[in-house]
Amino acid sequence: MILTGGTVLTMDAAESVAEAIALNGDRIVAVGSADEVLRHRGEDTVIVDLQGSTVMPGFVDSHAHLGGSAQGDAEQFRQVQDQALRGGITTITEMGVSPELLDQLTGFDAAGLMRMRWNTYLLYNTNCGDPVESAWFNTYAQGEDVSAHIRNEGVKLFSDGGSCGVPAVTFEYPGGYGHGDLFLAQEDLTAAVQAVQATGHQIAIHALGDRAVEETMNAIEASLGGAPNDLRHRIEHNAIVRPDMMSRYNEIGIVPTFFGSYTTCMRINAEPGRFKYVVPDELGTWEWPWRAILDANPGLAAAWHSDYPVFPDISPMAHLYGLVTRAQRAEDGSVCEPPDWLAQGAITVDEALRMMTINAAYAIFREHEIGSLEPGKLADLVILSDNPREVDPAALPDIEVMVTIIGGVVEHCADGAGALCLADGAGGPTDSTVPSGPTGIAPIGYLDFPSPDAVVSGIVGVEGWALADSGIERVEVYVDGVYVGDAVYGHPRPDVDNDYPGRAGAPNFGYVFDLDTTTLANGPHTIGVVAVARSGDAGPMIPEVLSVTVEN
């Protein structure tokens, strides 16, 4: 399947923009110009005219309570999941999972109700700071698949109040709440982080107030002991941060997650009983200071989270609007404009989109498979009515998610999307499915060895895998763009067979070519591999060009 005739926001490291994208089964096989991508077309390839619409990665929500909001009810679960899919969310993170909730979620999955990628973070303590079952958080390993759609990614700990109690701050609340509620003393919080870290788990720590954020920073810093944060320990919310603390995210290596859509209407209208824990006006710039935090930490992989249903609108477009403008649309359609201190925290569209895609994927250890549109990654993407980089920021909430695709399957199709829904008879609110089996697209595969930029000598094995719907006829190897011979094809690759079941030649997808580097001059060279299918279609392996240095 090839989508062309629009704009493709890849969200790759270069933030490149493409014209077309090709999918095969549940994977992306090509991204680039229309001419480049259409070279992958086969006899049965479905071509979709985007009609000027915009494709981008599906949104990744790094912290929500979507499953818990269903309260074990299957119909309610369908409804909240549909709501997320309509917004273009393809991966959801259930933050703070109890044994009872995990049973509910795995039950929903066993019943065939899950249509998104789900991640879980198991509870260390409750939202009131009470302990959960001893070592419950260690029930599943970091990155372990709990069920077909659920992967466990870490541990959730509450360090201060919020949904229960009051966020812990260094100042005195104007409303008479003192300094808030800190659930753990510094030494106890540090010990908790160390205990979780010792089991190989990432920890995500709820910290709203500046006192809690500071103690959490201290705990993570002490636990790392100067080592890199390889487990990507996270601080959730970071709602109130003092200026003197802001540079510590990069200094320690912490991954922060930020809210998107600020409750501007509630704050400026001072609705009684709803915005209880108010920061004094003179400290307003400490609240949700995303602009200042990003400026103080160049390259910081900050991630977005909806925290649904704590914030009732899960729509990524509403959150994008909030991140970029700090304004909020009221239920009657009027706009609540932010005061100056709040507007100072706004960030750019590009920064926000990264937070909502590749950075959020990084926060859950899935950036290698989701979060950007690159060959080899999972085909999780959305088709938008407009390009968020080009519309007036005030119009961001009006951008419609026309289609949501997860693993090559259409999971949401908006009214009026028509041919964008990619299946006969699609175009209404009912779900339609893109064929997930062979589609006639050119061969796909990888060049696994040698590693990029490797220094090589003597005889070097050029190794990888390739497959095609019709089977592989031959695998050609090129050095510096010149054909040097065919690889031996047919080595067992059960790992590839597991990802692409039922393909021709399974499981023998591997290839090997012995490259004699003594015939090459010392210095830089390039290696490329092209697989040719029995149908005659040909396709380059990923990466298309691999650079090595010969030293004999």
Foldseek 3Di string as FASTA:
>chain_A
DKEFAEWEQFLPPVSDIAGMWDDAFFFTADTHYPVVHCLQDFPQFFYFNLNHWYKWFFFAALEAQLLVVLVLPLVSSLVSQVLSVQLRHQEYEREEDAPVSVVSVVVCVVVVRDDHAYEYAYEQADLQLHGGPPPPRLPDAAQDAPDDRYTYHAHEEEQFHDVHKFAAEPDQFPLHSGRIGGNDDLVRLLVVCLVRVVRVGAYEYEHAYQVSVVSNLVSLQVSCVPPAPPNQHEYEAQFFHDLVCLLSCQVRVHAYEHEFADPLVCVVVVPPPPPRRDDPPVRLLRGLQQVSSCVSYPPHLYAYHHHPPVPPRPRVLNRLLCQAQVWHQDPVRDIRHHDPSSRNRHDHSSVHLQNRFQSSCVSRVRNVATRGRDGPHTPWMWIKRHDCNPDDSVCSVVIGGQFTARSQFTPFHDAQSPCVLPDPPDRHGDGDTHDSAARRTFKEWAFDPDDFAAEDAFKGKGKIFIFHQQGFPWKWKDKQNHTDDTWDFFCFDVVVCVVHPPGPSPRGGMTIDTDGCVVDDFFKMKMWMKIAHPVRRIDTYPPRIGMYGYDD
